Amino acid sequence: MPGTGRNESRLNLVILARFDPANLTEETQARAAEGVVAYSGVCTHQGCPVNMWSKERGAFVCSCHGSLFNPRNGAEVMSGPAPLPLAALGLKVADGDVAATSTFFGRVGFTQN
């Protein structure tokens, strides 16, 4: 389909989560929509899915190697081998729906050495 990038690619994995906007850093608030944040669900370590949540740490977890990402602070790496935060999408609320306002901030996936 023309104009569709990465159709059916695992790089399309996106994590959406909602938090109290008061608990988001200023930079994260600027990209969020009423507390909803969006990040790539592809780990920056080796490209595995970031598909778990640690309630104890309040963090997204990569199921392969255990990197933890802080969604309230730009998905920064809290621990683990991931070298970079998850790429983030800018969001807005339009007619009651959440929509992307930008391409990803940061690189989606990982860089092979």
PDB file of N, CA and C in Angstrom:
ATOM      1  N   MET A   1       0.847  -1.167   0.000  1.00  0.00           N
ATOM      2  CA  MET A   1       0.000   0.000   0.000  1.00  0.00           C
ATOM      3  C   MET A   1       0.902   1.243   0.000  1.00  0.00           C
ATOM      4  N   PRO A   2       0.759   2.137  -0.955  1.00  0.00           N
ATOM      5  CA  PRO A   2       1.610   3.331  -1.012  1.00  0.00           C
ATOM      6  C   PRO A   2       1.464   4.189   0.239  1.00  0.00           C
ATOM      7  N   GLY A   3       2.585   4.713   0.691  1.00  0.00           N
ATOM      8  CA  GLY A   3       2.563   5.602   1.857  1.00  0.00           C
ATOM      9  C   GLY A   3       2.575   4.884   3.191  1.00  0.00           C
ATOM     10  N   THR A   4       2.557   3.567   3.182  1.00  0.00           N
ATOM     11  CA  THR A   4       2.587   2.813   4.430  1.00  0.00           C
ATOM     12  C   THR A   4       4.010   2.363   4.683  1.00  0.00           C
ATOM     13  N   GLY A   5       4.605   2.861   5.741  1.00  0.00           N
ATOM     14  CA  GLY A   5       5.972   2.471   6.082  1.00  0.00           C
ATOM     15  C   GLY A   5       5.988   1.293   7.027  1.00  0.00           C
ATOM     16  N   ARG A   6       6.885   0.373   6.773  1.00  0.00           N
ATOM     17  CA  ARG A   6       7.091  -0.776   7.662  1.00  0.00           C
ATOM     18  C   ARG A   6       5.823  -1.578   7.911  1.00  0.00           C
ATOM     19  N   ASN A   7       4.991  -1.748   6.900  1.00  0.00           N
ATOM     20  CA  ASN A   7       3.771  -2.517   7.042  1.00  0.00           C
ATOM     21  C   ASN A   7       4.097  -3.930   7.525  1.00  0.00           C
ATOM     22  N   GLU A   8       3.427  -4.375   8.575  1.00  0.00           N
ATOM     23  CA  GLU A   8       3.580  -5.696   9.178  1.00  0.00           C
ATOM     24  C   GLU A   8       4.965  -5.942   9.766  1.00  0.00           C
ATOM     25  N   SER A   9       5.692  -4.914  10.058  1.00  0.00           N
ATOM     26  CA  SER A   9       7.021  -5.041  10.652  1.00  0.00           C
ATOM     27  C   SER A   9       6.912  -5.121  12.167  1.00  0.00           C
ATOM     28  N   ARG A  10       7.808  -5.878  12.786  1.00  0.00           N
ATOM     29  CA  ARG A  10       7.849  -5.920  14.256  1.00  0.00           C
ATOM     30  C   ARG A  10       8.240  -4.560  14.828  1.00  0.00           C
ATOM     31  N   LEU A  11       8.821  -3.684  13.990  1.00  0.00           N
ATOM     32  CA  LEU A  11       9.172  -2.339  14.452  1.00  0.00           C
ATOM     33  C   LEU A  11       7.942  -1.472  14.676  1.00  0.00           C
ATOM     34  N   ASN A  12       6.768  -1.955  14.291  1.00  0.00           N
ATOM     35  CA  ASN A  12       5.520  -1.221  14.515  1.00  0.00           C
ATOM     36  C   ASN A  12       4.994  -1.375  15.938  1.00  0.00           C
ATOM     37  N   LEU A  13       5.619  -2.170  16.758  1.00  0.00           N
ATOM     38  CA  LEU A  13       5.154  -2.394  18.120  1.00  0.00           C
ATOM     39  C   LEU A  13       5.233  -1.086  18.912  1.00  0.00           C
ATOM     40  N   VAL A  14       4.093  -0.639  19.428  1.00  0.00           N
ATOM     41  CA  VAL A  14       4.013   0.611  20.185  1.00  0.00           C
ATOM     42  C   VAL A  14       3.362   0.328  21.527  1.00  0.00           C
ATOM     43  N   ILE A  15       3.899   0.928  22.567  1.00  0.00           N
ATOM     44  CA  ILE A  15       3.342   0.815  23.914  1.00  0.00           C
ATOM     45  C   ILE A  15       2.587   2.105  24.212  1.00  0.00           C
ATOM     46  N   LEU A  16       1.321   1.998  24.574  1.00  0.00           N
ATOM     47  CA  LEU A  16       0.530   3.131  25.045  1.00  0.00           C
ATOM     48  C   LEU A  16       0.223   2.903  26.517  1.00  0.00           C
ATOM     49  N   ALA A  17       0.394   3.924  27.316  1.00  0.00           N
ATOM     50  CA  ALA A  17       0.098   3.823  28.750  1.00  0.00           C
ATOM     51  C   ALA A  17      -0.394   5.168  29.238  1.00  0.00           C
ATOM     52  N   ARG A  18      -1.224   5.149  30.276  1.00  0.00           N
ATOM     53  CA  ARG A  18      -1.760   6.391  30.838  1.00  0.00           C
ATOM     54  C   ARG A  18      -1.292   6.535  32.275  1.00  0.00           C
ATOM     55  N   PHE A  19      -0.827   7.753  32.596  1.00  0.00           N
ATOM     56  CA  PHE A  19      -0.360   8.087  33.935  1.00  0.00           C
ATOM     57  C   PHE A  19      -0.960   9.422  34.353  1.00  0.00           C
ATOM     58  N   ASP A  20      -0.896   9.704  35.625  1.00  0.00           N
ATOM     59  CA  ASP A  20      -1.272  11.022  36.113  1.00  0.00           C
ATOM     60  C   ASP A  20      -0.280  12.013  35.515  1.00  0.00           C
ATOM     61  N   PRO A  21      -0.741  13.010  34.757  1.00  0.00           N
ATOM     62  CA  PRO A  21       0.181  13.964  34.139  1.00  0.00           C
ATOM     63  C   PRO A  21       1.125  14.638  35.140  1.00  0.00           C
ATOM     64  N   ALA A  22       0.689  14.800  36.375  1.00  0.00           N
ATOM     65  CA  ALA A  22       1.533  15.424  37.395  1.00  0.00           C
ATOM     66  C   ALA A  22       2.757  14.575  37.719  1.00  0.00           C
ATOM     67  N   ASN A  23       2.718  13.284  37.390  1.00  0.00           N
ATOM     68  CA  ASN A  23       3.838  12.385  37.664  1.00  0.00           C
ATOM     69  C   ASN A  23       4.793  12.224  36.481  1.00  0.00           C
ATOM     70  N   LEU A  24       4.562  12.971  35.406  1.00  0.00           N
ATOM     71  CA  LEU A  24       5.429  12.915  34.233  1.00  0.00           C
ATOM     72  C   LEU A  24       6.438  14.052  34.289  1.00  0.00           C
ATOM     73  N   THR A  25       7.654  13.799  33.788  1.00  0.00           N
ATOM     74  CA  THR A  25       8.626  14.882  33.697  1.00  0.00           C
ATOM     75  C   THR A  25       8.109  15.915  32.689  1.00  0.00           C
ATOM     76  N   GLU A  26       8.656  17.100  32.735  1.00  0.00           N
ATOM     77  CA  GLU A  26       8.218  18.168  31.842  1.00  0.00           C
ATOM     78  C   GLU A  26       8.351  17.757  30.373  1.00  0.00           C
ATOM     79  N   GLU A  27       9.473  17.157  30.018  1.00  0.00           N
ATOM     80  CA  GLU A  27       9.695  16.717  28.632  1.00  0.00           C
ATOM     81  C   GLU A  27       8.681  15.654  28.223  1.00  0.00           C
ATOM     82  N   THR A  28       8.382  14.725  29.123  1.00  0.00           N
ATOM     83  CA  THR A  28       7.417  13.672  28.822  1.00  0.00           C
ATOM     84  C   THR A  28       6.019  14.252  28.708  1.00  0.00           C
ATOM     85  N   GLN A  29       5.671  15.189  29.580  1.00  0.00           N
ATOM     86  CA  GLN A  29       4.369  15.859  29.494  1.00  0.00           C
ATOM     87  C   GLN A  29       4.177  16.548  28.156  1.00  0.00           C
ATOM     88  N   ALA A  30       5.240  17.132  27.619  1.00  0.00           N
ATOM     89  CA  ALA A  30       5.148  17.861  26.357  1.00  0.00           C
ATOM     90  C   ALA A  30       4.778  16.939  25.197  1.00  0.00           C
ATOM     91  N   ARG A  31       5.131  15.666  25.280  1.00  0.00           N
ATOM     92  CA  ARG A  31       4.804  14.707  24.213  1.00  0.00           C
ATOM     93  C   ARG A  31       3.534  13.918  24.514  1.00  0.00           C
ATOM     94  N   ALA A  32       3.054  13.974  25.743  1.00  0.00           N
ATOM     95  CA  ALA A  32       1.895  13.183  26.161  1.00  0.00           C
ATOM     96  C   ALA A  32       0.587  13.877  25.800  1.00  0.00           C
ATOM     97  N   ALA A  33      -0.480  13.095  25.827  1.00  0.00           N
ATOM     98  CA  ALA A  33      -1.829  13.607  25.598  1.00  0.00           C
ATOM     99  C   ALA A  33      -2.673  13.252  26.810  1.00  0.00           C
ATOM    100  N   GLU A  34      -2.879  14.233  27.687  1.00  0.00           N
ATOM    101  CA  GLU A  34      -3.680  14.018  28.892  1.00  0.00           C
ATOM    102  C   GLU A  34      -3.181  12.815  29.699  1.00  0.00           C
ATOM    103  N   GLY A  35      -1.860  12.691  29.783  1.00  0.00           N
ATOM    104  CA  GLY A  35      -1.245  11.623  30.564  1.00  0.00           C
ATOM    105  C   GLY A  35      -0.967  10.353  29.788  1.00  0.00           C
ATOM    106  N   VAL A  36      -1.416  10.271  28.539  1.00  0.00           N
ATOM    107  CA  VAL A  36      -1.144   9.091  27.705  1.00  0.00           C
ATOM    108  C   VAL A  36       0.205   9.289  27.026  1.00  0.00           C
ATOM    109  N   VAL A  37       1.074   8.288  27.157  1.00  0.00           N
ATOM    110  CA  VAL A  37       2.389   8.315  26.524  1.00  0.00           C
ATOM    111  C   VAL A  37       2.476   7.169  25.522  1.00  0.00           C
ATOM    112  N   ALA A  38       3.343   7.336  24.526  1.00  0.00           N
ATOM    113  CA  ALA A  38       3.546   6.290  23.516  1.00  0.00           C
ATOM    114  C   ALA A  38       5.034   6.129  23.264  1.00  0.00           C
ATOM    115  N   TYR A  39       5.477   4.882  23.316  1.00  0.00           N
ATOM    116  CA  TYR A  39       6.877   4.557  23.085  1.00  0.00           C
ATOM    117  C   TYR A  39       6.980   3.363  22.148  1.00  0.00           C
ATOM    118  N   SER A  40       8.102   3.274  21.473  1.00  0.00           N
ATOM    119  CA  SER A  40       8.388   2.074  20.699  1.00  0.00           C
ATOM    120  C   SER A  40       8.451   0.899  21.666  1.00  0.00           C
ATOM    121  N   GLY A  41       7.917  -0.222  21.252  1.00  0.00           N
ATOM    122  CA  GLY A  41       7.975  -1.433  22.061  1.00  0.00           C
ATOM    123  C   GLY A  41       9.127  -2.328  21.657  1.00  0.00           C
ATOM    124  N   VAL A  42      10.132  -1.746  20.994  1.00  0.00           N
ATOM    125  CA  VAL A  42      11.303  -2.500  20.553  1.00  0.00           C
ATOM    126  C   VAL A  42      12.503  -2.047  21.377  1.00  0.00           C
ATOM    127  N   CYS A  43      13.084  -2.973  22.110  1.00  0.00           N
ATOM    128  CA  CYS A  43      14.198  -2.658  23.001  1.00  0.00           C
ATOM    129  C   CYS A  43      15.403  -2.149  22.212  1.00  0.00           C
ATOM    130  N   THR A  44      16.084  -1.179  22.784  1.00  0.00           N
ATOM    131  CA  THR A  44      17.266  -0.594  22.152  1.00  0.00           C
ATOM    132  C   THR A  44      18.523  -1.447  22.348  1.00  0.00           C
ATOM    133  N   HIS A  45      18.393  -2.540  23.088  1.00  0.00           N
ATOM    134  CA  HIS A  45      19.547  -3.424  23.300  1.00  0.00           C
ATOM    135  C   HIS A  45      19.744  -4.356  22.102  1.00  0.00           C
ATOM    136  N   GLN A  46      18.790  -5.280  21.904  1.00  0.00           N
ATOM    137  CA  GLN A  46      18.916  -6.224  20.791  1.00  0.00           C
ATOM    138  C   GLN A  46      17.625  -6.373  19.993  1.00  0.00           C
ATOM    139  N   GLY A  47      16.703  -5.444  20.160  1.00  0.00           N
ATOM    140  CA  GLY A  47      15.487  -5.450  19.354  1.00  0.00           C
ATOM    141  C   GLY A  47      14.393  -6.380  19.828  1.00  0.00           C
ATOM    142  N   CYS A  48      14.492  -6.879  21.030  1.00  0.00           N
ATOM    143  CA  CYS A  48      13.447  -7.738  21.589  1.00  0.00           C
ATOM    144  C   CYS A  48      12.224  -6.902  21.945  1.00  0.00           C
ATOM    145  N   PRO A  49      11.069  -7.551  22.143  1.00  0.00           N
ATOM    146  CA  PRO A  49       9.885  -6.787  22.526  1.00  0.00           C
ATOM    147  C   PRO A  49       9.938  -6.329  23.982  1.00  0.00           C
ATOM    148  N   VAL A  50       9.548  -5.099  24.189  1.00  0.00           N
ATOM    149  CA  VAL A  50       9.354  -4.572  25.546  1.00  0.00           C
ATOM    150  C   VAL A  50       7.877  -4.816  25.822  1.00  0.00           C
ATOM    151  N   ASN A  51       7.580  -5.919  26.500  1.00  0.00           N
ATOM    152  CA  ASN A  51       6.198  -6.380  26.571  1.00  0.00           C
ATOM    153  C   ASN A  51       5.733  -6.772  27.974  1.00  0.00           C
ATOM    154  N   MET A  52       6.441  -6.295  28.977  1.00  0.00           N
ATOM    155  CA  MET A  52       6.028  -6.593  30.357  1.00  0.00           C
ATOM    156  C   MET A  52       6.046  -5.302  31.170  1.00  0.00           C
ATOM    157  N   TRP A  53       5.395  -5.352  32.327  1.00  0.00           N
ATOM    158  CA  TRP A  53       5.318  -4.216  33.237  1.00  0.00           C
ATOM    159  C   TRP A  53       5.768  -4.673  34.614  1.00  0.00           C
ATOM    160  N   SER A  54       6.642  -3.917  35.236  1.00  0.00           N
ATOM    161  CA  SER A  54       7.048  -4.185  36.612  1.00  0.00           C
ATOM    162  C   SER A  54       6.283  -3.228  37.515  1.00  0.00           C
ATOM    163  N   LYS A  55       5.320  -3.755  38.231  1.00  0.00           N
ATOM    164  CA  LYS A  55       4.539  -2.929  39.150  1.00  0.00           C
ATOM    165  C   LYS A  55       5.438  -2.378  40.260  1.00  0.00           C
ATOM    166  N   GLU A  56       6.360  -3.206  40.742  1.00  0.00           N
ATOM    167  CA  GLU A  56       7.246  -2.804  41.835  1.00  0.00           C
ATOM    168  C   GLU A  56       8.138  -1.624  41.433  1.00  0.00           C
ATOM    169  N   ARG A  57       8.621  -1.625  40.203  1.00  0.00           N
ATOM    170  CA  ARG A  57       9.533  -0.572  39.726  1.00  0.00           C
ATOM    171  C   ARG A  57       8.809   0.527  38.948  1.00  0.00           C
ATOM    172  N   GLY A  58       7.546   0.290  38.575  1.00  0.00           N
ATOM    173  CA  GLY A  58       6.812   1.253  37.762  1.00  0.00           C
ATOM    174  C   GLY A  58       7.478   1.439  36.418  1.00  0.00           C
ATOM    175  N   ALA A  59       7.829   0.310  35.765  1.00  0.00           N
ATOM    176  CA  ALA A  59       8.641   0.382  34.555  1.00  0.00           C
ATOM    177  C   ALA A  59       8.222  -0.659  33.531  1.00  0.00           C
ATOM    178  N   PHE A  60       8.471  -0.314  32.252  1.00  0.00           N
ATOM    179  CA  PHE A  60       8.347  -1.283  31.173  1.00  0.00           C
ATOM    180  C   PHE A  60       9.560  -2.201  31.230  1.00  0.00           C
ATOM    181  N   VAL A  61       9.372  -3.467  30.856  1.00  0.00           N
ATOM    182  CA  VAL A  61      10.434  -4.455  30.944  1.00  0.00           C
ATOM    183  C   VAL A  61      10.615  -5.155  29.601  1.00  0.00           C
ATOM    184  N   CYS A  62      11.853  -5.284  29.174  1.00  0.00           N
ATOM    185  CA  CYS A  62      12.187  -6.099  28.011  1.00  0.00           C
ATOM    186  C   CYS A  62      12.212  -7.552  28.475  1.00  0.00           C
ATOM    187  N   SER A  63      11.440  -8.391  27.813  1.00  0.00           N
ATOM    188  CA  SER A  63      11.321  -9.784  28.250  1.00  0.00           C
ATOM    189  C   SER A  63      12.550 -10.635  27.929  1.00  0.00           C
ATOM    190  N   CYS A  64      13.453 -10.152  27.091  1.00  0.00           N
ATOM    191  CA  CYS A  64      14.634 -10.954  26.736  1.00  0.00           C
ATOM    192  C   CYS A  64      15.772 -10.816  27.745  1.00  0.00           C
ATOM    193  N   HIS A  65      16.176  -9.574  28.025  1.00  0.00           N
ATOM    194  CA  HIS A  65      17.372  -9.360  28.842  1.00  0.00           C
ATOM    195  C   HIS A  65      17.128  -8.482  30.063  1.00  0.00           C
ATOM    196  N   GLY A  66      15.860  -8.139  30.316  1.00  0.00           N
ATOM    197  CA  GLY A  66      15.495  -7.489  31.561  1.00  0.00           C
ATOM    198  C   GLY A  66      15.751  -5.998  31.680  1.00  0.00           C
ATOM    199  N   SER A  67      15.984  -5.297  30.574  1.00  0.00           N
ATOM    200  CA  SER A  67      16.132  -3.840  30.684  1.00  0.00           C
ATOM    201  C   SER A  67      14.831  -3.239  31.195  1.00  0.00           C
ATOM    202  N   LEU A  68      14.956  -2.237  32.061  1.00  0.00           N
ATOM    203  CA  LEU A  68      13.804  -1.519  32.602  1.00  0.00           C
ATOM    204  C   LEU A  68      13.804  -0.100  32.059  1.00  0.00           C
ATOM    205  N   PHE A  69      12.604   0.388  31.669  1.00  0.00           N
ATOM    206  CA  PHE A  69      12.460   1.721  31.094  1.00  0.00           C
ATOM    207  C   PHE A  69      11.414   2.501  31.882  1.00  0.00           C
ATOM    208  N   ASN A  70      11.742   3.738  32.239  1.00  0.00           N
ATOM    209  CA  ASN A  70      10.859   4.588  33.035  1.00  0.00           C
ATOM    210  C   ASN A  70       9.926   5.386  32.116  1.00  0.00           C
ATOM    211  N   PRO A  71       8.648   5.011  32.020  1.00  0.00           N
ATOM    212  CA  PRO A  71       7.737   5.692  31.106  1.00  0.00           C
ATOM    213  C   PRO A  71       7.377   7.110  31.534  1.00  0.00           C
ATOM    214  N   ARG A  72       7.587   7.441  32.796  1.00  0.00           N
ATOM    215  CA  ARG A  72       7.259   8.781  33.294  1.00  0.00           C
ATOM    216  C   ARG A  72       8.371   9.790  33.012  1.00  0.00           C
ATOM    217  N   ASN A  73       9.527   9.262  32.587  1.00  0.00           N
ATOM    218  CA  ASN A  73      10.682  10.118  32.302  1.00  0.00           C
ATOM    219  C   ASN A  73      11.286   9.727  30.946  1.00  0.00           C
ATOM    220  N   GLY A  74      10.485   9.867  29.894  1.00  0.00           N
ATOM    221  CA  GLY A  74      10.993   9.652  28.554  1.00  0.00           C
ATOM    222  C   GLY A  74      11.475   8.252  28.258  1.00  0.00           C
ATOM    223  N   ALA A  75      11.003   7.252  28.991  1.00  0.00           N
ATOM    224  CA  ALA A  75      11.412   5.853  28.829  1.00  0.00           C
ATOM    225  C   ALA A  75      12.917   5.686  28.985  1.00  0.00           C
ATOM    226  N   GLU A  76      13.495   6.481  29.894  1.00  0.00           N
ATOM    227  CA  GLU A  76      14.929   6.351  30.163  1.00  0.00           C
ATOM    228  C   GLU A  76      15.226   4.960  30.712  1.00  0.00           C
ATOM    229  N   VAL A  77      16.445   4.498  30.489  1.00  0.00           N
ATOM    230  CA  VAL A  77      16.877   3.188  30.975  1.00  0.00           C
ATOM    231  C   VAL A  77      17.119   3.289  32.479  1.00  0.00           C
ATOM    232  N   MET A  78      16.416   2.456  33.240  1.00  0.00           N
ATOM    233  CA  MET A  78      16.588   2.414  34.693  1.00  0.00           C
ATOM    234  C   MET A  78      17.636   1.374  35.084  1.00  0.00           C
ATOM    235  N   SER A  79      17.659   0.264  34.335  1.00  0.00           N
ATOM    236  CA  SER A  79      18.661  -0.775  34.563  1.00  0.00           C
ATOM    237  C   SER A  79      18.644  -1.729  33.384  1.00  0.00           C
ATOM    238  N   GLY A  80      19.699  -2.546  33.297  1.00  0.00           N
ATOM    239  CA  GLY A  80      19.798  -3.526  32.232  1.00  0.00           C
ATOM    240  C   GLY A  80      20.758  -3.096  31.141  1.00  0.00           C
ATOM    241  N   PRO A  81      20.880  -3.932  30.118  1.00  0.00           N
ATOM    242  CA  PRO A  81      21.879  -3.678  29.079  1.00  0.00           C
ATOM    243  C   PRO A  81      21.465  -2.677  28.005  1.00  0.00           C
ATOM    244  N   ALA A  82      20.216  -2.239  27.958  1.00  0.00           N
ATOM    245  CA  ALA A  82      19.797  -1.306  26.903  1.00  0.00           C
ATOM    246  C   ALA A  82      20.632  -0.027  26.981  1.00  0.00           C
ATOM    247  N   PRO A  83      21.170   0.439  25.849  1.00  0.00           N
ATOM    248  CA  PRO A  83      22.025   1.620  25.869  1.00  0.00           C
ATOM    249  C   PRO A  83      21.277   2.947  25.757  1.00  0.00           C
ATOM    250  N   LEU A  84      20.031   2.908  25.274  1.00  0.00           N
ATOM    251  CA  LEU A  84      19.276   4.140  25.022  1.00  0.00           C
ATOM    252  C   LEU A  84      17.839   3.996  25.482  1.00  0.00           C
ATOM    253  N   PRO A  85      17.166   5.122  25.735  1.00  0.00           N
ATOM    254  CA  PRO A  85      15.735   5.054  26.051  1.00  0.00           C
ATOM    255  C   PRO A  85      14.951   4.578  24.837  1.00  0.00           C
ATOM    256  N   LEU A  86      13.705   4.186  25.071  1.00  0.00           N
ATOM    257  CA  LEU A  86      12.821   3.826  23.967  1.00  0.00           C
ATOM    258  C   LEU A  86      12.463   5.083  23.191  1.00  0.00           C
ATOM    259  N   ALA A  87      12.305   4.942  21.887  1.00  0.00           N
ATOM    260  CA  ALA A  87      11.861   6.066  21.069  1.00  0.00           C
ATOM    261  C   ALA A  87      10.432   6.438  21.471  1.00  0.00           C
ATOM    262  N   ALA A  88      10.118   7.733  21.441  1.00  0.00           N
ATOM    263  CA  ALA A  88       8.813   8.228  21.887  1.00  0.00           C
ATOM    264  C   ALA A  88       8.056   8.868  20.732  1.00  0.00           C
ATOM    265  N   LEU A  89       6.736   8.778  20.809  1.00  0.00           N
ATOM    266  CA  LEU A  89       5.861   9.469  19.863  1.00  0.00           C
ATOM    267  C   LEU A  89       5.222  10.663  20.546  1.00  0.00           C
ATOM    268  N   GLY A  90       5.085  11.755  19.833  1.00  0.00           N
ATOM    269  CA  GLY A  90       4.293  12.872  20.320  1.00  0.00           C
ATOM    270  C   GLY A  90       2.826  12.563  20.094  1.00  0.00           C
ATOM    271  N   LEU A  91       1.987  12.897  21.058  1.00  0.00           N
ATOM    272  CA  LEU A  91       0.560  12.596  20.983  1.00  0.00           C
ATOM    273  C   LEU A  91      -0.282  13.844  21.209  1.00  0.00           C
ATOM    274  N   LYS A  92      -1.548  13.763  20.788  1.00  0.00           N
ATOM    275  CA  LYS A  92      -2.550  14.786  21.090  1.00  0.00           C
ATOM    276  C   LYS A  92      -3.892  14.090  21.198  1.00  0.00           C
ATOM    277  N   VAL A  93      -4.861  14.769  21.797  1.00  0.00           N
ATOM    278  CA  VAL A  93      -6.236  14.284  21.825  1.00  0.00           C
ATOM    279  C   VAL A  93      -7.019  15.130  20.841  1.00  0.00           C
ATOM    280  N   ALA A  94      -7.679  14.460  19.885  1.00  0.00           N
ATOM    281  CA  ALA A  94      -8.492  15.136  18.876  1.00  0.00           C
ATOM    282  C   ALA A  94      -9.848  14.437  18.802  1.00  0.00           C
ATOM    283  N   ASP A  95     -10.904  15.157  19.072  1.00  0.00           N
ATOM    284  CA  ASP A  95     -12.261  14.593  19.054  1.00  0.00           C
ATOM    285  C   ASP A  95     -12.379  13.374  19.958  1.00  0.00           C
ATOM    286  N   GLY A  96     -11.705  13.417  21.104  1.00  0.00           N
ATOM    287  CA  GLY A  96     -11.779  12.339  22.079  1.00  0.00           C
ATOM    288  C   GLY A  96     -10.869  11.151  21.801  1.00  0.00           C
ATOM    289  N   ASP A  97     -10.138  11.191  20.695  1.00  0.00           N
ATOM    290  CA  ASP A  97      -9.235  10.107  20.339  1.00  0.00           C
ATOM    291  C   ASP A  97      -7.787  10.556  20.482  1.00  0.00           C
ATOM    292  N   VAL A  98      -6.917   9.626  20.835  1.00  0.00           N
ATOM    293  CA  VAL A  98      -5.487   9.913  20.904  1.00  0.00           C
ATOM    294  C   VAL A  98      -4.899   9.707  19.513  1.00  0.00           C
ATOM    295  N   ALA A  99      -4.101  10.679  19.067  1.00  0.00           N
ATOM    296  CA  ALA A  99      -3.478  10.599  17.749  1.00  0.00           C
ATOM    297  C   ALA A  99      -2.018  11.019  17.837  1.00  0.00           C
ATOM    298  N   ALA A 100      -1.198  10.473  16.959  1.00  0.00           N
ATOM    299  CA  ALA A 100       0.218  10.850  16.902  1.00  0.00           C
ATOM    300  C   ALA A 100       0.346  12.219  16.248  1.00  0.00           C
ATOM    301  N   THR A 101       1.289  13.014  16.761  1.00  0.00           N
ATOM    302  CA  THR A 101       1.551  14.339  16.200  1.00  0.00           C
ATOM    303  C   THR A 101       2.910  14.410  15.536  1.00  0.00           C
ATOM    304  N   SER A 102       3.662  13.319  15.583  1.00  0.00           N
ATOM    305  CA  SER A 102       5.032  13.344  15.069  1.00  0.00           C
ATOM    306  C   SER A 102       5.467  11.936  14.712  1.00  0.00           C
ATOM    307  N   THR A 103       6.614  11.858  14.077  1.00  0.00           N
ATOM    308  CA  THR A 103       7.285  10.577  13.952  1.00  0.00           C
ATOM    309  C   THR A 103       7.982  10.334  15.288  1.00  0.00           C
ATOM    310  N   PHE A 104       8.679   9.233  15.397  1.00  0.00           N
ATOM    311  CA  PHE A 104       9.352   8.918  16.656  1.00  0.00           C
ATOM    312  C   PHE A 104      10.485   9.895  16.950  1.00  0.00           C
ATOM    313  N   PHE A 105      10.608  10.248  18.230  1.00  0.00           N
ATOM    314  CA  PHE A 105      11.775  10.963  18.741  1.00  0.00           C
ATOM    315  C   PHE A 105      12.741   9.875  19.179  1.00  0.00           C
ATOM    316  N   GLY A 106      13.876   9.781  18.559  1.00  0.00           N
ATOM    317  CA  GLY A 106      14.831   8.724  18.862  1.00  0.00           C
ATOM    318  C   GLY A 106      14.726   7.603  17.846  1.00  0.00           C
ATOM    319  N   ARG A 107      15.681   6.720  17.893  1.00  0.00           N
ATOM    320  CA  ARG A 107      15.766   5.602  16.959  1.00  0.00           C
ATOM    321  C   ARG A 107      14.900   4.442  17.440  1.00  0.00           C
ATOM    322  N   VAL A 108      14.105   3.885  16.533  1.00  0.00           N
ATOM    323  CA  VAL A 108      13.312   2.702  16.834  1.00  0.00           C
ATOM    324  C   VAL A 108      14.189   1.475  16.658  1.00  0.00           C
ATOM    325  N   GLY A 109      14.227   0.625  17.665  1.00  0.00           N
ATOM    326  CA  GLY A 109      15.019  -0.593  17.583  1.00  0.00           C
ATOM    327  C   GLY A 109      16.425  -0.404  18.104  1.00  0.00           C
ATOM    328  N   PHE A 110      17.360  -1.123  17.512  1.00  0.00           N
ATOM    329  CA  PHE A 110      18.727  -1.134  18.014  1.00  0.00           C
ATOM    330  C   PHE A 110      19.697  -1.016  16.854  1.00  0.00           C
ATOM    331  N   THR A 111      20.933  -0.747  17.165  1.00  0.00           N
ATOM    332  CA  THR A 111      21.989  -0.655  16.161  1.00  0.00           C
ATOM    333  C   THR A 111      22.900  -1.857  16.315  1.00  0.00           C
ATOM    334  N   GLN A 112      23.089  -2.595  15.256  1.00  0.00           N
ATOM    335  CA  GLN A 112      23.982  -3.754  15.310  1.00  0.00           C
ATOM    336  C   GLN A 112      25.428  -3.263  15.221  1.00  0.00           C
ATOM    337  N   ASN A 113      26.286  -3.897  15.997  1.00  0.00           N
ATOM    338  CA  ASN A 113      27.711  -3.557  15.951  1.00  0.00           C
ATOM    339  C   ASN A 113      28.445  -4.455  14.992  1.00  0.00           C
TER     340      ASN A 113
END
